[in-house]
Amino acid sequence: MVRIGRVVGKVVLSRCHAAMTGATYKIVIPLTLEDLGSDRLGEVEDVVAYDELAAGLDTLVAISEGREAAQPFHPEEKPVDAYIAALLDSVLVEPVEVVTKRLPIIH
């Protein structure tokens, strides 16, 4: 699963698994569609995500979760549950009514 979230903090480790060196961990709050249309943060549980892209505080990111989070490292195995897959410059949110009016009608 891929979700959009906002980076709200970082995790500092004193030790980590050898396969996990070279990156950092960020605290990401996943955002709903309503959250994306406003400046508020999501009200869901935060996620700790593996970050090789150097996402900064307050950055919008795409996070991959679950089994898919480990796929970028294949065939190497990394024990990750969430991975920052992209840094997002902006996200455009349009009402469903506007989008459906632009879709062609197929008979």
C-alpha atoms as a PDB file:
ATOM      1  CA  MET A   1       0.000   0.000   0.000  1.00  0.00           C
ATOM      2  CA  VAL A   2       1.204   3.532  -0.769  1.00  0.00           C
ATOM      3  CA  ARG A   3      -0.015   6.556   1.189  1.00  0.00           C
ATOM      4  CA  ILE A   4       0.837  10.240   1.327  1.00  0.00           C
ATOM      5  CA  GLY A   5       2.073  11.625   4.602  1.00  0.00           C
ATOM      6  CA  ARG A   6       3.891  14.519   6.240  1.00  0.00           C
ATOM      7  CA  VAL A   7       7.230  14.171   8.044  1.00  0.00           C
ATOM      8  CA  VAL A   8       6.858  15.395  11.624  1.00  0.00           C
ATOM      9  CA  GLY A   9      10.051  14.135  13.226  1.00  0.00           C
ATOM     10  CA  LYS A  10      13.019  11.802  13.128  1.00  0.00           C
ATOM     11  CA  VAL A  11      14.166   8.799  15.110  1.00  0.00           C
ATOM     12  CA  VAL A  12      17.661   8.636  16.578  1.00  0.00           C
ATOM     13  CA  LEU A  13      19.115   5.164  17.036  1.00  0.00           C
ATOM     14  CA  SER A  14      22.089   4.145  19.120  1.00  0.00           C
ATOM     15  CA  ARG A  15      22.212   0.731  17.408  1.00  0.00           C
ATOM     16  CA  CYS A  16      20.498  -0.841  14.415  1.00  0.00           C
ATOM     17  CA  HIS A  17      20.458  -3.997  12.311  1.00  0.00           C
ATOM     18  CA  ALA A  18      23.534  -4.154  10.034  1.00  0.00           C
ATOM     19  CA  ALA A  19      21.327  -4.153   6.911  1.00  0.00           C
ATOM     20  CA  MET A  20      19.759  -0.851   7.974  1.00  0.00           C
ATOM     21  CA  THR A  21      22.857   1.370   8.044  1.00  0.00           C
ATOM     22  CA  GLY A  22      23.184   4.325   5.669  1.00  0.00           C
ATOM     23  CA  ALA A  23      19.725   5.793   6.106  1.00  0.00           C
ATOM     24  CA  THR A  24      17.575   7.459   8.735  1.00  0.00           C
ATOM     25  CA  TYR A  25      14.121   6.870  10.149  1.00  0.00           C
ATOM     26  CA  LYS A  26      11.430   9.547   9.971  1.00  0.00           C
ATOM     27  CA  ILE A  27       8.131   9.861  11.799  1.00  0.00           C
ATOM     28  CA  VAL A  28       5.381  10.315   9.206  1.00  0.00           C
ATOM     29  CA  ILE A  29       1.712  11.106   9.776  1.00  0.00           C
ATOM     30  CA  PRO A  30      -0.418   9.614   6.964  1.00  0.00           C
ATOM     31  CA  LEU A  31      -2.915  12.093   5.495  1.00  0.00           C
ATOM     32  CA  THR A  32      -6.488  11.546   4.362  1.00  0.00           C
ATOM     33  CA  LEU A  33      -7.975  13.187   1.284  1.00  0.00           C
ATOM     34  CA  GLU A  34      -9.539  15.839   3.540  1.00  0.00           C
ATOM     35  CA  ASP A  35      -6.176  16.480   5.230  1.00  0.00           C
ATOM     36  CA  LEU A  36      -4.522  17.038   1.841  1.00  0.00           C
ATOM     37  CA  GLY A  37      -7.090  19.715   0.999  1.00  0.00           C
ATOM     38  CA  SER A  38      -6.241  21.619   4.191  1.00  0.00           C
ATOM     39  CA  ASP A  39      -3.218  22.429   6.320  1.00  0.00           C
ATOM     40  CA  ARG A  40      -4.161  20.107   9.172  1.00  0.00           C
ATOM     41  CA  LEU A  41      -2.304  16.953  10.127  1.00  0.00           C
ATOM     42  CA  GLY A  42      -3.914  13.569   9.968  1.00  0.00           C
ATOM     43  CA  GLU A  43      -5.598  12.022  12.973  1.00  0.00           C
ATOM     44  CA  VAL A  44      -4.327   8.496  12.349  1.00  0.00           C
ATOM     45  CA  GLU A  45      -1.453   6.660  13.994  1.00  0.00           C
ATOM     46  CA  ASP A  46       1.978   7.849  12.924  1.00  0.00           C
ATOM     47  CA  VAL A  47       4.397   5.620  11.002  1.00  0.00           C
ATOM     48  CA  VAL A  48       8.153   5.235  11.387  1.00  0.00           C
ATOM     49  CA  ALA A  49       9.547   5.028   7.840  1.00  0.00           C
ATOM     50  CA  TYR A  50      12.995   4.117   6.505  1.00  0.00           C
ATOM     51  CA  ASP A  51      14.381   7.136   4.615  1.00  0.00           C
ATOM     52  CA  GLU A  52      17.195   7.135   2.044  1.00  0.00           C
ATOM     53  CA  LEU A  53      15.939  10.335   0.373  1.00  0.00           C
ATOM     54  CA  ALA A  54      16.754  12.759   3.232  1.00  0.00           C
ATOM     55  CA  ALA A  55      13.186  13.981   3.703  1.00  0.00           C
ATOM     56  CA  GLY A  56      13.093  17.128   5.799  1.00  0.00           C
ATOM     57  CA  LEU A  57      10.722  18.152   8.541  1.00  0.00           C
ATOM     58  CA  ASP A  58       7.242  19.078   7.195  1.00  0.00           C
ATOM     59  CA  THR A  59       7.952  17.440   3.806  1.00  0.00           C
ATOM     60  CA  LEU A  60       5.128  15.670   1.955  1.00  0.00           C
ATOM     61  CA  VAL A  61       6.194  12.113   1.145  1.00  0.00           C
ATOM     62  CA  ALA A  62       4.835   8.967  -0.455  1.00  0.00           C
ATOM     63  CA  ILE A  63       5.279   6.025   1.888  1.00  0.00           C
ATOM     64  CA  SER A  64       5.160   2.397   0.895  1.00  0.00           C
ATOM     65  CA  GLU A  65       4.010   0.053   3.639  1.00  0.00           C
ATOM     66  CA  GLY A  66       3.887  -3.659   4.274  1.00  0.00           C
ATOM     67  CA  ARG A  67       5.614  -6.198   2.044  1.00  0.00           C
ATOM     68  CA  GLU A  68       5.985  -3.601  -0.738  1.00  0.00           C
ATOM     69  CA  ALA A  69       8.230  -1.488   1.502  1.00  0.00           C
ATOM     70  CA  ALA A  70      11.054  -4.035   1.197  1.00  0.00           C
ATOM     71  CA  GLN A  71      10.805  -4.404  -2.613  1.00  0.00           C
ATOM     72  CA  PRO A  72      13.226  -1.569  -3.555  1.00  0.00           C
ATOM     73  CA  PHE A  73      16.011  -3.517  -1.847  1.00  0.00           C
ATOM     74  CA  HIS A  74      15.439  -6.874  -3.609  1.00  0.00           C
ATOM     75  CA  PRO A  75      17.409  -9.199  -3.685  1.00  0.00           C
ATOM     76  CA  GLU A  76      18.954  -7.757  -0.504  1.00  0.00           C
ATOM     77  CA  GLU A  77      16.744  -8.268   2.525  1.00  0.00           C
ATOM     78  CA  LYS A  78      15.955  -5.333   4.811  1.00  0.00           C
ATOM     79  CA  PRO A  79      13.542  -5.658   7.726  1.00  0.00           C
ATOM     80  CA  VAL A  80      11.347  -2.621   6.949  1.00  0.00           C
ATOM     81  CA  ASP A  81       7.605  -2.101   7.342  1.00  0.00           C
ATOM     82  CA  ALA A  82       7.481   1.422   5.865  1.00  0.00           C
ATOM     83  CA  TYR A  83       9.709   3.141   3.321  1.00  0.00           C
ATOM     84  CA  ILE A  84       9.754   6.728   2.022  1.00  0.00           C
ATOM     85  CA  ALA A  85       9.446   6.105  -1.707  1.00  0.00           C
ATOM     86  CA  ALA A  86       9.188   9.721  -2.960  1.00  0.00           C
ATOM     87  CA  LEU A  87       9.447  13.350  -1.903  1.00  0.00           C
ATOM     88  CA  LEU A  88       6.398  15.268  -3.163  1.00  0.00           C
ATOM     89  CA  ASP A  89       6.666  18.895  -4.268  1.00  0.00           C
ATOM     90  CA  SER A  90       2.916  19.388  -4.273  1.00  0.00           C
ATOM     91  CA  VAL A  91      -0.370  17.507  -4.361  1.00  0.00           C
ATOM     92  CA  LEU A  92      -3.417  18.778  -6.250  1.00  0.00           C
ATOM     93  CA  VAL A  93      -6.735  17.763  -4.715  1.00  0.00           C
ATOM     94  CA  GLU A  94      -9.875  18.298  -6.781  1.00  0.00           C
ATOM     95  CA  PRO A  95     -13.480  17.480  -5.884  1.00  0.00           C
ATOM     96  CA  VAL A  96     -14.754  14.229  -7.409  1.00  0.00           C
ATOM     97  CA  GLU A  97     -17.461  16.169  -9.285  1.00  0.00           C
ATOM     98  CA  VAL A  98     -14.822  18.202 -11.144  1.00  0.00           C
ATOM     99  CA  VAL A  99     -12.797  15.139 -12.112  1.00  0.00           C
ATOM    100  CA  THR A 100     -15.783  13.106 -13.303  1.00  0.00           C
ATOM    101  CA  LYS A 101     -16.980  15.960 -15.557  1.00  0.00           C
ATOM    102  CA  ARG A 102     -13.677  15.718 -17.454  1.00  0.00           C
ATOM    103  CA  LEU A 103     -13.887  11.963 -17.985  1.00  0.00           C
ATOM    104  CA  PRO A 104     -15.166  10.772 -21.352  1.00  0.00           C
ATOM    105  CA  ILE A 105     -18.488   8.978 -21.386  1.00  0.00           C
ATOM    106  CA  ILE A 106     -18.078   5.418 -22.706  1.00  0.00           C
ATOM    107  CA  HIS A 107     -21.170   3.649 -24.071  1.00  0.00           C
END
